[in-house]
């Protein structure tokens, strides 16, 4: 039991560090907010569980990103989170919007240029 809890805490710590490093300017949506919406997705993108309630978080996050600055901020956070640890499956992370019926104009990837997001 303790062995399965410890990696989860490590991933959450890595997420917190990624949030602290990401520069977001004056965007209304912070990396902390993005992480809150996406916490239910953590088991899925780390191959530790099913999709579960992840889609509710995905849909809520993208509904909250109303302005270009919001969408660029969300993109930057997702980019940081996607590249923050090898425990996250890049294919599963990139496929989340499609699996949840949300259409976003960029790929969730560490190589995404968020400055081009409208």
PDB file of N, CA and C in Angstrom:
ATOM      1  N   UNK A   1       0.828  -1.198   0.000  1.00  0.00           N
ATOM      2  CA  UNK A   1       0.000   0.000   0.000  1.00  0.00           C
ATOM      3  C   UNK A   1       0.868   1.254   0.000  1.00  0.00           C
ATOM      4  N   UNK A   2       1.839   1.316   0.882  1.00  0.00           N
ATOM      5  CA  UNK A   2       2.699   2.497   0.959  1.00  0.00           C
ATOM      6  C   UNK A   2       3.486   2.692  -0.322  1.00  0.00           C
ATOM      7  N   UNK A   3       3.838   1.608  -0.993  1.00  0.00           N
ATOM      8  CA  UNK A   3       4.602   1.720  -2.235  1.00  0.00           C
ATOM      9  C   UNK A   3       3.782   2.356  -3.344  1.00  0.00           C
ATOM     10  N   UNK A   4       2.453   2.172  -3.348  1.00  0.00           N
ATOM     11  CA  UNK A   4       1.622   2.781  -4.382  1.00  0.00           C
ATOM     12  C   UNK A   4       1.280   4.225  -4.058  1.00  0.00           C
ATOM     13  N   UNK A   5       1.270   4.585  -2.805  1.00  0.00           N
ATOM     14  CA  UNK A   5       0.961   5.959  -2.419  1.00  0.00           C
ATOM     15  C   UNK A   5       2.164   6.866  -2.674  1.00  0.00           C
ATOM     16  N   UNK A   6       3.335   6.400  -2.405  1.00  0.00           N
ATOM     17  CA  UNK A   6       4.532   7.223  -2.527  1.00  0.00           C
ATOM     18  C   UNK A   6       4.730   7.772  -3.940  1.00  0.00           C
ATOM     19  N   UNK A   7       4.611   6.986  -5.024  1.00  0.00           N
ATOM     20  CA  UNK A   7       4.761   7.558  -6.370  1.00  0.00           C
ATOM     21  C   UNK A   7       3.699   8.611  -6.684  1.00  0.00           C
ATOM     22  N   UNK A   8       2.491   8.430  -6.163  1.00  0.00           N
ATOM     23  CA  UNK A   8       1.439   9.417  -6.396  1.00  0.00           C
ATOM     24  C   UNK A   8       1.813  10.749  -5.764  1.00  0.00           C
ATOM     25  N   UNK A   9       2.326  10.716  -4.537  1.00  0.00           N
ATOM     26  CA  UNK A   9       2.758  11.954  -3.893  1.00  0.00           C
ATOM     27  C   UNK A   9       3.916  12.594  -4.649  1.00  0.00           C
ATOM     28  N   UNK A  10       4.815  11.768  -5.170  1.00  0.00           N
ATOM     29  CA  UNK A  10       5.947  12.286  -5.936  1.00  0.00           C
ATOM     30  C   UNK A  10       5.451  13.019  -7.175  1.00  0.00           C
ATOM     31  N   UNK A  11       4.468  12.458  -7.867  1.00  0.00           N
ATOM     32  CA  UNK A  11       3.924  13.099  -9.058  1.00  0.00           C
ATOM     33  C   UNK A  11       3.255  14.419  -8.691  1.00  0.00           C
ATOM     34  N   UNK A  12       2.527  14.440  -7.587  1.00  0.00           N
ATOM     35  CA  UNK A  12       1.891  15.692  -7.154  1.00  0.00           C
ATOM     36  C   UNK A  12       2.929  16.752  -6.808  1.00  0.00           C
ATOM     37  N   UNK A  13       4.040  16.337  -6.213  1.00  0.00           N
ATOM     38  CA  UNK A  13       5.122  17.279  -5.910  1.00  0.00           C
ATOM     39  C   UNK A  13       5.716  17.824  -7.206  1.00  0.00           C
ATOM     40  N   UNK A  14       5.899  16.950  -8.186  1.00  0.00           N
ATOM     41  CA  UNK A  14       6.426  17.392  -9.471  1.00  0.00           C
ATOM     42  C   UNK A  14       5.464  18.379 -10.127  1.00  0.00           C
ATOM     43  N   UNK A  15       4.153  18.105 -10.044  1.00  0.00           N
ATOM     44  CA  UNK A  15       3.164  19.044 -10.572  1.00  0.00           C
ATOM     45  C   UNK A  15       3.290  20.401  -9.895  1.00  0.00           C
ATOM     46  N   UNK A  16       3.469  20.404  -8.579  1.00  0.00           N
ATOM     47  CA  UNK A  16       3.591  21.661  -7.839  1.00  0.00           C
ATOM     48  C   UNK A  16       4.827  22.435  -8.289  1.00  0.00           C
ATOM     49  N   UNK A  17       5.933  21.729  -8.498  1.00  0.00           N
ATOM     50  CA  UNK A  17       7.153  22.388  -8.977  1.00  0.00           C
ATOM     51  C   UNK A  17       6.925  22.952 -10.378  1.00  0.00           C
ATOM     52  N   UNK A  18       6.274  22.192 -11.234  1.00  0.00           N
ATOM     53  CA  UNK A  18       5.998  22.667 -12.593  1.00  0.00           C
ATOM     54  C   UNK A  18       5.127  23.918 -12.561  1.00  0.00           C
ATOM     55  N   UNK A  19       4.180  23.955 -11.648  1.00  0.00           N
ATOM     56  CA  UNK A  19       3.323  25.136 -11.530  1.00  0.00           C
ATOM     57  C   UNK A  19       4.135  26.349 -11.096  1.00  0.00           C
ATOM     58  N   UNK A  20       5.068  26.152 -10.205  1.00  0.00           N
ATOM     59  CA  UNK A  20       5.880  27.260  -9.711  1.00  0.00           C
ATOM     60  C   UNK A  20       6.806  27.795 -10.793  1.00  0.00           C
ATOM     61  N   UNK A  21       7.247  26.942 -11.701  1.00  0.00           N
ATOM     62  CA  UNK A  21       8.188  27.336 -12.737  1.00  0.00           C
ATOM     63  C   UNK A  21       7.500  28.019 -13.908  1.00  0.00           C
ATOM     64  N   UNK A  22       6.277  27.628 -14.201  1.00  0.00           N
ATOM     65  CA  UNK A  22       5.576  28.165 -15.375  1.00  0.00           C
ATOM     66  C   UNK A  22       5.351  29.663 -15.214  1.00  0.00           C
ATOM     67  N   UNK A  23       5.671  30.417 -16.258  1.00  0.00           N
ATOM     68  CA  UNK A  23       5.414  31.860 -16.206  1.00  0.00           C
ATOM     69  C   UNK A  23       4.101  32.124 -16.922  1.00  0.00           C
ATOM     70  N   UNK A  24       3.191  32.812 -16.232  1.00  0.00           N
ATOM     71  CA  UNK A  24       1.847  32.957 -16.753  1.00  0.00           C
ATOM     72  C   UNK A  24       1.400  34.393 -16.972  1.00  0.00           C
ATOM     73  N   UNK A  25       2.211  35.375 -16.676  1.00  0.00           N
ATOM     74  CA  UNK A  25       1.810  36.756 -16.884  1.00  0.00           C
ATOM     75  C   UNK A  25       0.579  37.103 -16.068  1.00  0.00           C
ATOM     76  N   UNK A  26      -0.385  37.750 -16.712  1.00  0.00           N
ATOM     77  CA  UNK A  26      -1.585  38.215 -16.037  1.00  0.00           C
ATOM     78  C   UNK A  26      -2.806  37.355 -16.341  1.00  0.00           C
ATOM     79  N   UNK A  27      -2.629  36.150 -16.786  1.00  0.00           N
ATOM     80  CA  UNK A  27      -3.750  35.292 -17.136  1.00  0.00           C
ATOM     81  C   UNK A  27      -4.600  35.001 -15.904  1.00  0.00           C
ATOM     82  N   UNK A  28      -5.890  34.880 -16.150  1.00  0.00           N
ATOM     83  CA  UNK A  28      -6.821  34.643 -15.052  1.00  0.00           C
ATOM     84  C   UNK A  28      -6.762  33.206 -14.554  1.00  0.00           C
ATOM     85  N   UNK A  29      -6.364  32.274 -15.390  1.00  0.00           N
ATOM     86  CA  UNK A  29      -6.327  30.864 -14.998  1.00  0.00           C
ATOM     87  C   UNK A  29      -4.897  30.482 -14.652  1.00  0.00           C
ATOM     88  N   UNK A  30      -4.682  30.124 -13.401  1.00  0.00           N
ATOM     89  CA  UNK A  30      -3.343  29.764 -12.934  1.00  0.00           C
ATOM     90  C   UNK A  30      -3.091  28.270 -13.133  1.00  0.00           C
ATOM     91  N   UNK A  31      -1.838  27.871 -13.014  1.00  0.00           N
ATOM     92  CA  UNK A  31      -1.508  26.441 -13.087  1.00  0.00           C
ATOM     93  C   UNK A  31      -2.134  25.684 -11.918  1.00  0.00           C
ATOM     94  N   UNK A  32      -2.297  26.350 -10.790  1.00  0.00           N
ATOM     95  CA  UNK A  32      -2.978  25.712  -9.670  1.00  0.00           C
ATOM     96  C   UNK A  32      -4.419  25.361 -10.014  1.00  0.00           C
ATOM     97  N   UNK A  33      -5.080  26.261 -10.720  1.00  0.00           N
ATOM     98  CA  UNK A  33      -6.453  26.013 -11.160  1.00  0.00           C
ATOM     99  C   UNK A  33      -6.487  24.869 -12.165  1.00  0.00           C
ATOM    100  N   UNK A  34      -5.560  24.892 -13.120  1.00  0.00           N
ATOM    101  CA  UNK A  34      -5.477  23.823 -14.126  1.00  0.00           C
ATOM    102  C   UNK A  34      -5.278  22.479 -13.428  1.00  0.00           C
ATOM    103  N   UNK A  35      -4.366  22.431 -12.480  1.00  0.00           N
ATOM    104  CA  UNK A  35      -4.087  21.186 -11.759  1.00  0.00           C
ATOM    105  C   UNK A  35      -5.316  20.719 -10.985  1.00  0.00           C
ATOM    106  N   UNK A  36      -6.036  21.652 -10.390  1.00  0.00           N
ATOM    107  CA  UNK A  36      -7.255  21.275  -9.658  1.00  0.00           C
ATOM    108  C   UNK A  36      -8.268  20.608 -10.573  1.00  0.00           C
ATOM    109  N   UNK A  37      -8.458  21.188 -11.746  1.00  0.00           N
ATOM    110  CA  UNK A  37      -9.390  20.598 -12.709  1.00  0.00           C
ATOM    111  C   UNK A  37      -8.923  19.210 -13.157  1.00  0.00           C
ATOM    112  N   UNK A  38      -7.617  19.037 -13.290  1.00  0.00           N
ATOM    113  CA  UNK A  38      -7.088  17.812 -13.883  1.00  0.00           C
ATOM    114  C   UNK A  38      -6.684  16.732 -12.885  1.00  0.00           C
ATOM    115  N   UNK A  39      -6.778  16.984 -11.597  1.00  0.00           N
ATOM    116  CA  UNK A  39      -6.420  15.965 -10.601  1.00  0.00           C
ATOM    117  C   UNK A  39      -7.105  14.620 -10.847  1.00  0.00           C
ATOM    118  N   UNK A  40      -8.394  14.592 -11.232  1.00  0.00           N
ATOM    119  CA  UNK A  40      -9.024  13.295 -11.482  1.00  0.00           C
ATOM    120  C   UNK A  40      -8.405  12.531 -12.661  1.00  0.00           C
ATOM    121  N   UNK A  41      -7.620  13.202 -13.490  1.00  0.00           N
ATOM    122  CA  UNK A  41      -6.996  12.571 -14.652  1.00  0.00           C
ATOM    123  C   UNK A  41      -5.679  11.883 -14.315  1.00  0.00           C
ATOM    124  N   UNK A  42      -5.116  12.190 -13.173  1.00  0.00           N
ATOM    125  CA  UNK A  42      -3.796  11.686 -12.809  1.00  0.00           C
ATOM    126  C   UNK A  42      -3.680  10.166 -12.880  1.00  0.00           C
ATOM    127  N   UNK A  43      -4.623   9.404 -12.318  1.00  0.00           N
ATOM    128  CA  UNK A  43      -4.482   7.939 -12.425  1.00  0.00           C
ATOM    129  C   UNK A  43      -4.469   7.457 -13.885  1.00  0.00           C
ATOM    130  N   UNK A  44      -5.286   8.076 -14.712  1.00  0.00           N
ATOM    131  CA  UNK A  44      -5.372   7.653 -16.111  1.00  0.00           C
ATOM    132  C   UNK A  44      -4.082   7.944 -16.877  1.00  0.00           C
ATOM    133  N   UNK A  45      -3.565   9.171 -16.778  1.00  0.00           N
ATOM    134  CA  UNK A  45      -2.379   9.537 -17.573  1.00  0.00           C
ATOM    135  C   UNK A  45      -1.089   8.916 -17.044  1.00  0.00           C
ATOM    136  N   UNK A  46      -1.142   8.346 -15.838  1.00  0.00           N
ATOM    137  CA  UNK A  46       0.021   7.648 -15.290  1.00  0.00           C
ATOM    138  C   UNK A  46      -0.163   6.132 -15.341  1.00  0.00           C
ATOM    139  N   UNK A  47      -1.164   5.684 -16.093  1.00  0.00           N
ATOM    140  CA  UNK A  47      -1.452   4.252 -16.272  1.00  0.00           C
ATOM    141  C   UNK A  47      -1.732   3.535 -14.960  1.00  0.00           C
ATOM    142  N   UNK A  48      -2.359   4.244 -14.027  1.00  0.00           N
ATOM    143  CA  UNK A  48      -2.659   3.651 -12.720  1.00  0.00           C
ATOM    144  C   UNK A  48      -4.154   3.445 -12.499  1.00  0.00           C
ATOM    145  N   UNK A  49      -4.993   3.899 -13.453  1.00  0.00           N
ATOM    146  CA  UNK A  49      -6.429   3.754 -13.262  1.00  0.00           C
ATOM    147  C   UNK A  49      -7.209   4.156 -14.495  1.00  0.00           C
ATOM    148  N   UNK A  50      -8.537   4.076 -14.390  1.00  0.00           N
ATOM    149  CA  UNK A  50      -9.399   4.404 -15.526  1.00  0.00           C
ATOM    150  C   UNK A  50      -9.569   5.913 -15.712  1.00  0.00           C
ATOM    151  N   UNK A  51     -10.226   6.274 -16.779  1.00  0.00           N
ATOM    152  CA  UNK A  51     -10.501   7.678 -17.083  1.00  0.00           C
ATOM    153  C   UNK A  51     -11.354   8.310 -15.983  1.00  0.00           C
ATOM    154  N   UNK A  52     -12.283   7.555 -15.436  1.00  0.00           N
ATOM    155  CA  UNK A  52     -13.077   8.015 -14.297  1.00  0.00           C
ATOM    156  C   UNK A  52     -13.721   9.369 -14.513  1.00  0.00           C
ATOM    157  N   UNK A  53     -13.604  10.265 -13.525  1.00  0.00           N
ATOM    158  CA  UNK A  53     -14.217  11.589 -13.584  1.00  0.00           C
ATOM    159  C   UNK A  53     -13.376  12.629 -14.287  1.00  0.00           C
ATOM    160  N   UNK A  54     -12.363  12.200 -14.993  1.00  0.00           N
ATOM    161  CA  UNK A  54     -11.448  13.122 -15.660  1.00  0.00           C
ATOM    162  C   UNK A  54     -12.156  14.052 -16.641  1.00  0.00           C
ATOM    163  N   UNK A  55     -13.114  13.528 -17.403  1.00  0.00           N
ATOM    164  CA  UNK A  55     -13.767  14.345 -18.431  1.00  0.00           C
ATOM    165  C   UNK A  55     -14.512  15.538 -17.847  1.00  0.00           C
ATOM    166  N   UNK A  56     -15.056  15.393 -16.650  1.00  0.00           N
ATOM    167  CA  UNK A  56     -15.711  16.541 -16.011  1.00  0.00           C
ATOM    168  C   UNK A  56     -14.704  17.660 -15.785  1.00  0.00           C
ATOM    169  N   UNK A  57     -13.497  17.310 -15.352  1.00  0.00           N
ATOM    170  CA  UNK A  57     -12.446  18.307 -15.150  1.00  0.00           C
ATOM    171  C   UNK A  57     -11.996  18.933 -16.461  1.00  0.00           C
ATOM    172  N   UNK A  58     -11.814  18.109 -17.491  1.00  0.00           N
ATOM    173  CA  UNK A  58     -11.400  18.610 -18.808  1.00  0.00           C
ATOM    174  C   UNK A  58     -12.440  19.598 -19.344  1.00  0.00           C
ATOM    175  N   UNK A  59     -13.697  19.204 -19.298  1.00  0.00           N
ATOM    176  CA  UNK A  59     -14.780  20.067 -19.816  1.00  0.00           C
ATOM    177  C   UNK A  59     -14.887  21.360 -19.007  1.00  0.00           C
ATOM    178  N   UNK A  60     -14.765  21.261 -17.694  1.00  0.00           N
ATOM    179  CA  UNK A  60     -14.833  22.448 -16.845  1.00  0.00           C
ATOM    180  C   UNK A  60     -13.682  23.402 -17.102  1.00  0.00           C
ATOM    181  N   UNK A  61     -12.486  22.854 -17.274  1.00  0.00           N
ATOM    182  CA  UNK A  61     -11.310  23.679 -17.528  1.00  0.00           C
ATOM    183  C   UNK A  61     -11.450  24.439 -18.840  1.00  0.00           C
ATOM    184  N   UNK A  62     -11.843  23.752 -19.890  1.00  0.00           N
ATOM    185  CA  UNK A  62     -11.923  24.424 -21.175  1.00  0.00           C
ATOM    186  C   UNK A  62     -13.116  25.360 -21.276  1.00  0.00           C
ATOM    187  N   UNK A  63     -14.146  25.126 -20.487  1.00  0.00           N
ATOM    188  CA  UNK A  63     -15.250  26.085 -20.410  1.00  0.00           C
ATOM    189  C   UNK A  63     -14.804  27.349 -19.676  1.00  0.00           C
ATOM    190  N   UNK A  64     -13.915  27.198 -18.710  1.00  0.00           N
ATOM    191  CA  UNK A  64     -13.434  28.337 -17.923  1.00  0.00           C
ATOM    192  C   UNK A  64     -12.449  29.206 -18.709  1.00  0.00           C
ATOM    193  N   UNK A  65     -11.798  28.654 -19.718  1.00  0.00           N
ATOM    194  CA  UNK A  65     -10.794  29.386 -20.502  1.00  0.00           C
ATOM    195  C   UNK A  65     -11.491  30.179 -21.600  1.00  0.00           C
ATOM    196  N   UNK A  66     -11.997  31.348 -21.244  1.00  0.00           N
ATOM    197  CA  UNK A  66     -12.818  32.146 -22.153  1.00  0.00           C
ATOM    198  C   UNK A  66     -12.030  33.107 -23.041  1.00  0.00           C
ATOM    199  N   UNK A  67     -10.893  33.578 -22.575  1.00  0.00           N
ATOM    200  CA  UNK A  67     -10.119  34.566 -23.333  1.00  0.00           C
ATOM    201  C   UNK A  67      -8.869  33.921 -23.934  1.00  0.00           C
ATOM    202  N   UNK A  68      -8.248  34.626 -24.871  1.00  0.00           N
ATOM    203  CA  UNK A  68      -6.993  34.144 -25.451  1.00  0.00           C
ATOM    204  C   UNK A  68      -5.934  33.984 -24.365  1.00  0.00           C
ATOM    205  N   UNK A  69      -5.854  34.946 -23.452  1.00  0.00           N
ATOM    206  CA  UNK A  69      -4.872  34.856 -22.357  1.00  0.00           C
ATOM    207  C   UNK A  69      -5.139  33.625 -21.494  1.00  0.00           C
ATOM    208  N   UNK A  70      -6.409  33.339 -21.220  1.00  0.00           N
ATOM    209  CA  UNK A  70      -6.759  32.141 -20.452  1.00  0.00           C
ATOM    210  C   UNK A  70      -6.311  30.882 -21.191  1.00  0.00           C
ATOM    211  N   UNK A  71      -6.626  30.808 -22.484  1.00  0.00           N
ATOM    212  CA  UNK A  71      -6.291  29.616 -23.269  1.00  0.00           C
ATOM    213  C   UNK A  71      -4.782  29.436 -23.385  1.00  0.00           C
ATOM    214  N   UNK A  72      -4.044  30.529 -23.527  1.00  0.00           N
ATOM    215  CA  UNK A  72      -2.581  30.436 -23.584  1.00  0.00           C
ATOM    216  C   UNK A  72      -2.017  30.005 -22.233  1.00  0.00           C
ATOM    217  N   UNK A  73      -2.616  30.480 -21.174  1.00  0.00           N
ATOM    218  CA  UNK A  73      -2.190  30.096 -19.831  1.00  0.00           C
ATOM    219  C   UNK A  73      -2.428  28.610 -19.592  1.00  0.00           C
ATOM    220  N   UNK A  74      -3.618  28.137 -19.955  1.00  0.00           N
ATOM    221  CA  UNK A  74      -3.932  26.712 -19.822  1.00  0.00           C
ATOM    222  C   UNK A  74      -2.958  25.897 -20.660  1.00  0.00           C
ATOM    223  N   UNK A  75      -2.707  26.320 -21.886  1.00  0.00           N
ATOM    224  CA  UNK A  75      -1.756  25.635 -22.763  1.00  0.00           C
ATOM    225  C   UNK A  75      -0.377  25.545 -22.115  1.00  0.00           C
ATOM    226  N   UNK A  76       0.099  26.647 -21.566  1.00  0.00           N
ATOM    227  CA  UNK A  76       1.424  26.659 -20.926  1.00  0.00           C
ATOM    228  C   UNK A  76       1.478  25.703 -19.744  1.00  0.00           C
ATOM    229  N   UNK A  77       0.427  25.685 -18.958  1.00  0.00           N
ATOM    230  CA  UNK A  77       0.386  24.764 -17.821  1.00  0.00           C
ATOM    231  C   UNK A  77       0.368  23.317 -18.286  1.00  0.00           C
ATOM    232  N   UNK A  78      -0.458  23.027 -19.289  1.00  0.00           N
ATOM    233  CA  UNK A  78      -0.528  21.664 -19.813  1.00  0.00           C
ATOM    234  C   UNK A  78       0.811  21.241 -20.401  1.00  0.00           C
ATOM    235  N   UNK A  79       1.462  22.165 -21.078  1.00  0.00           N
ATOM    236  CA  UNK A  79       2.779  21.891 -21.658  1.00  0.00           C
ATOM    237  C   UNK A  79       3.777  21.546 -20.547  1.00  0.00           C
ATOM    238  N   UNK A  80       3.782  22.326 -19.480  1.00  0.00           N
ATOM    239  CA  UNK A  80       4.680  22.062 -18.349  1.00  0.00           C
ATOM    240  C   UNK A  80       4.355  20.733 -17.681  1.00  0.00           C
ATOM    241  N   UNK A  81       3.068  20.483 -17.471  1.00  0.00           N
ATOM    242  CA  UNK A  81       2.662  19.245 -16.821  1.00  0.00           C
ATOM    243  C   UNK A  81       2.999  18.030 -17.681  1.00  0.00           C
ATOM    244  N   UNK A  82       2.800  18.151 -18.985  1.00  0.00           N
ATOM    245  CA  UNK A  82       3.073  17.024 -19.888  1.00  0.00           C
ATOM    246  C   UNK A  82       4.553  16.652 -19.883  1.00  0.00           C
ATOM    247  N   UNK A  83       5.419  17.631 -19.702  1.00  0.00           N
ATOM    248  CA  UNK A  83       6.849  17.360 -19.715  1.00  0.00           C
ATOM    249  C   UNK A  83       7.480  17.223 -18.346  1.00  0.00           C
ATOM    250  N   UNK A  84       6.659  17.249 -17.293  1.00  0.00           N
ATOM    251  CA  UNK A  84       7.211  17.292 -15.934  1.00  0.00           C
ATOM    252  C   UNK A  84       7.715  15.961 -15.410  1.00  0.00           C
ATOM    253  N   UNK A  85       7.234  14.872 -15.919  1.00  0.00           N
ATOM    254  CA  UNK A  85       7.647  13.567 -15.408  1.00  0.00           C
ATOM    255  C   UNK A  85       7.449  12.501 -16.474  1.00  0.00           C
ATOM    256  N   UNK A  86       8.294  11.510 -16.450  1.00  0.00           N
ATOM    257  CA  UNK A  86       8.159  10.411 -17.398  1.00  0.00           C
ATOM    258  C   UNK A  86       7.024   9.474 -16.999  1.00  0.00           C
ATOM    259  N   UNK A  87       6.458   9.660 -15.808  1.00  0.00           N
ATOM    260  CA  UNK A  87       5.343   8.813 -15.370  1.00  0.00           C
ATOM    261  C   UNK A  87       4.065   9.114 -16.143  1.00  0.00           C
ATOM    262  N   UNK A  88       3.987  10.304 -16.756  1.00  0.00           N
ATOM    263  CA  UNK A  88       2.807  10.667 -17.531  1.00  0.00           C
ATOM    264  C   UNK A  88       2.955  10.116 -18.940  1.00  0.00           C
ATOM    265  N   UNK A  89       1.944   9.388 -19.396  1.00  0.00           N
ATOM    266  CA  UNK A  89       1.931   8.864 -20.752  1.00  0.00           C
ATOM    267  C   UNK A  89       1.610  10.003 -21.716  1.00  0.00           C
ATOM    268  N   UNK A  90       2.556  10.384 -22.592  1.00  0.00           N
ATOM    269  CA  UNK A  90       2.293  11.491 -23.528  1.00  0.00           C
ATOM    270  C   UNK A  90       1.091  11.231 -24.422  1.00  0.00           C
ATOM    271  N   UNK A  91       0.910  10.004 -24.870  1.00  0.00           N
ATOM    272  CA  UNK A  91      -0.222   9.676 -25.740  1.00  0.00           C
ATOM    273  C   UNK A  91      -1.551   9.819 -25.009  1.00  0.00           C
ATOM    274  N   UNK A  92      -1.599   9.363 -23.771  1.00  0.00           N
ATOM    275  CA  UNK A  92      -2.841   9.493 -23.003  1.00  0.00           C
ATOM    276  C   UNK A  92      -3.144  10.956 -22.696  1.00  0.00           C
ATOM    277  N   UNK A  93      -2.120  11.724 -22.339  1.00  0.00           N
ATOM    278  CA  UNK A  93      -2.330  13.150 -22.056  1.00  0.00           C
ATOM    279  C   UNK A  93      -2.822  13.877 -23.307  1.00  0.00           C
ATOM    280  N   UNK A  94      -2.191  13.615 -24.440  1.00  0.00           N
ATOM    281  CA  UNK A  94      -2.573  14.283 -25.689  1.00  0.00           C
ATOM    282  C   UNK A  94      -3.976  13.875 -26.137  1.00  0.00           C
ATOM    283  N   UNK A  95      -4.393  12.659 -25.809  1.00  0.00           N
ATOM    284  CA  UNK A  95      -5.698  12.163 -26.244  1.00  0.00           C
ATOM    285  C   UNK A  95      -6.862  12.522 -25.339  1.00  0.00           C
ATOM    286  N   UNK A  96      -6.586  13.117 -24.179  1.00  0.00           N
ATOM    287  CA  UNK A  96      -7.659  13.426 -23.231  1.00  0.00           C
ATOM    288  C   UNK A  96      -8.769  14.300 -23.814  1.00  0.00           C
ATOM    289  N   UNK A  97      -8.460  15.420 -24.461  1.00  0.00           N
ATOM    290  CA  UNK A  97      -9.552  16.244 -24.978  1.00  0.00           C
ATOM    291  C   UNK A  97     -10.476  15.469 -25.929  1.00  0.00           C
ATOM    292  N   UNK A  98      -9.899  14.732 -26.861  1.00  0.00           N
ATOM    293  CA  UNK A  98     -10.704  13.954 -27.803  1.00  0.00           C
ATOM    294  C   UNK A  98     -11.548  12.902 -27.106  1.00  0.00           C
ATOM    295  N   UNK A  99     -10.976  12.228 -26.113  1.00  0.00           N
ATOM    296  CA  UNK A  99     -11.727  11.204 -25.382  1.00  0.00           C
ATOM    297  C   UNK A  99     -12.890  11.812 -24.612  1.00  0.00           C
ATOM    298  N   UNK A 100     -12.749  13.068 -24.249  1.00  0.00           N
ATOM    299  CA  UNK A 100     -13.787  13.737 -23.463  1.00  0.00           C
ATOM    300  C   UNK A 100     -14.715  14.595 -24.318  1.00  0.00           C
ATOM    301  N   UNK A 101     -14.526  14.572 -25.628  1.00  0.00           N
ATOM    302  CA  UNK A 101     -15.396  15.338 -26.523  1.00  0.00           C
ATOM    303  C   UNK A 101     -15.132  16.828 -26.508  1.00  0.00           C
ATOM    304  N   UNK A 102     -13.904  17.218 -26.176  1.00  0.00           N
ATOM    305  CA  UNK A 102     -13.518  18.635 -26.149  1.00  0.00           C
ATOM    306  C   UNK A 102     -12.534  18.865 -27.293  1.00  0.00           C
ATOM    307  N   UNK A 103     -12.812  19.860 -28.118  1.00  0.00           N
ATOM    308  CA  UNK A 103     -11.943  20.166 -29.248  1.00  0.00           C
ATOM    309  C   UNK A 103     -11.050  21.348 -28.898  1.00  0.00           C
ATOM    310  N   UNK A 104      -9.738  21.099 -28.828  1.00  0.00           N
ATOM    311  CA  UNK A 104      -8.800  22.192 -28.582  1.00  0.00           C
ATOM    312  C   UNK A 104      -7.886  22.317 -29.798  1.00  0.00           C
ATOM    313  N   UNK A 105      -7.433  23.525 -30.107  1.00  0.00           N
ATOM    314  CA  UNK A 105      -6.661  23.751 -31.346  1.00  0.00           C
ATOM    315  C   UNK A 105      -5.159  23.483 -31.222  1.00  0.00           C
ATOM    316  N   UNK A 106      -4.748  22.703 -30.263  1.00  0.00           N
ATOM    317  CA  UNK A 106      -3.332  22.382 -30.099  1.00  0.00           C
ATOM    318  C   UNK A 106      -3.206  21.015 -29.446  1.00  0.00           C
ATOM    319  N   UNK A 107      -2.022  20.434 -29.572  1.00  0.00           N
ATOM    320  CA  UNK A 107      -1.740  19.138 -28.962  1.00  0.00           C
ATOM    321  C   UNK A 107      -1.146  19.366 -27.572  1.00  0.00           C
ATOM    322  N   UNK A 108      -1.570  18.579 -26.611  1.00  0.00           N
ATOM    323  CA  UNK A 108      -0.984  18.644 -25.268  1.00  0.00           C
ATOM    324  C   UNK A 108       0.363  17.940 -25.357  1.00  0.00           C
ATOM    325  N   UNK A 109       1.419  18.745 -25.384  1.00  0.00           N
ATOM    326  CA  UNK A 109       2.761  18.221 -25.604  1.00  0.00           C
ATOM    327  C   UNK A 109       3.786  19.221 -25.078  1.00  0.00           C
ATOM    328  N   UNK A 110       4.944  18.741 -24.629  1.00  0.00           N
ATOM    329  CA  UNK A 110       5.995  19.661 -24.200  1.00  0.00           C
ATOM    330  C   UNK A 110       6.542  20.532 -25.338  1.00  0.00           C
ATOM    331  N   UNK A 111       6.242  20.187 -26.593  1.00  0.00           N
ATOM    332  CA  UNK A 111       6.762  20.964 -27.727  1.00  0.00           C
ATOM    333  C   UNK A 111       5.758  21.962 -28.299  1.00  0.00           C
ATOM    334  N   UNK A 112       4.576  22.085 -27.710  1.00  0.00           N
ATOM    335  CA  UNK A 112       3.547  22.991 -28.210  1.00  0.00           C
ATOM    336  C   UNK A 112       3.982  24.453 -28.030  1.00  0.00           C
ATOM    337  N   UNK A 113       3.738  25.279 -29.057  1.00  0.00           N
ATOM    338  CA  UNK A 113       4.005  26.720 -28.980  1.00  0.00           C
ATOM    339  C   UNK A 113       2.715  27.415 -28.532  1.00  0.00           C
ATOM    340  N   UNK A 114       2.609  27.672 -27.252  1.00  0.00           N
ATOM    341  CA  UNK A 114       1.381  28.231 -26.681  1.00  0.00           C
ATOM    342  C   UNK A 114       1.137  29.685 -27.093  1.00  0.00           C
ATOM    343  N   UNK A 115       2.166  30.375 -27.566  1.00  0.00           N
ATOM    344  CA  UNK A 115       1.998  31.753 -28.016  1.00  0.00           C
ATOM    345  C   UNK A 115       1.104  31.828 -29.255  1.00  0.00           C
ATOM    346  N   UNK A 116       0.970  30.718 -29.968  1.00  0.00           N
ATOM    347  CA  UNK A 116       0.141  30.677 -31.175  1.00  0.00           C
ATOM    348  C   UNK A 116      -1.310  30.300 -30.897  1.00  0.00           C
ATOM    349  N   UNK A 117      -1.624  29.996 -29.649  1.00  0.00           N
ATOM    350  CA  UNK A 117      -2.990  29.613 -29.281  1.00  0.00           C
ATOM    351  C   UNK A 117      -3.850  30.859 -29.226  1.00  0.00           C
ATOM    352  N   UNK A 118      -5.006  30.792 -29.857  1.00  0.00           N
ATOM    353  CA  UNK A 118      -5.951  31.914 -29.837  1.00  0.00           C
ATOM    354  C   UNK A 118      -6.995  31.626 -28.829  1.00  0.00           C
TER     355      UNK A 118
END
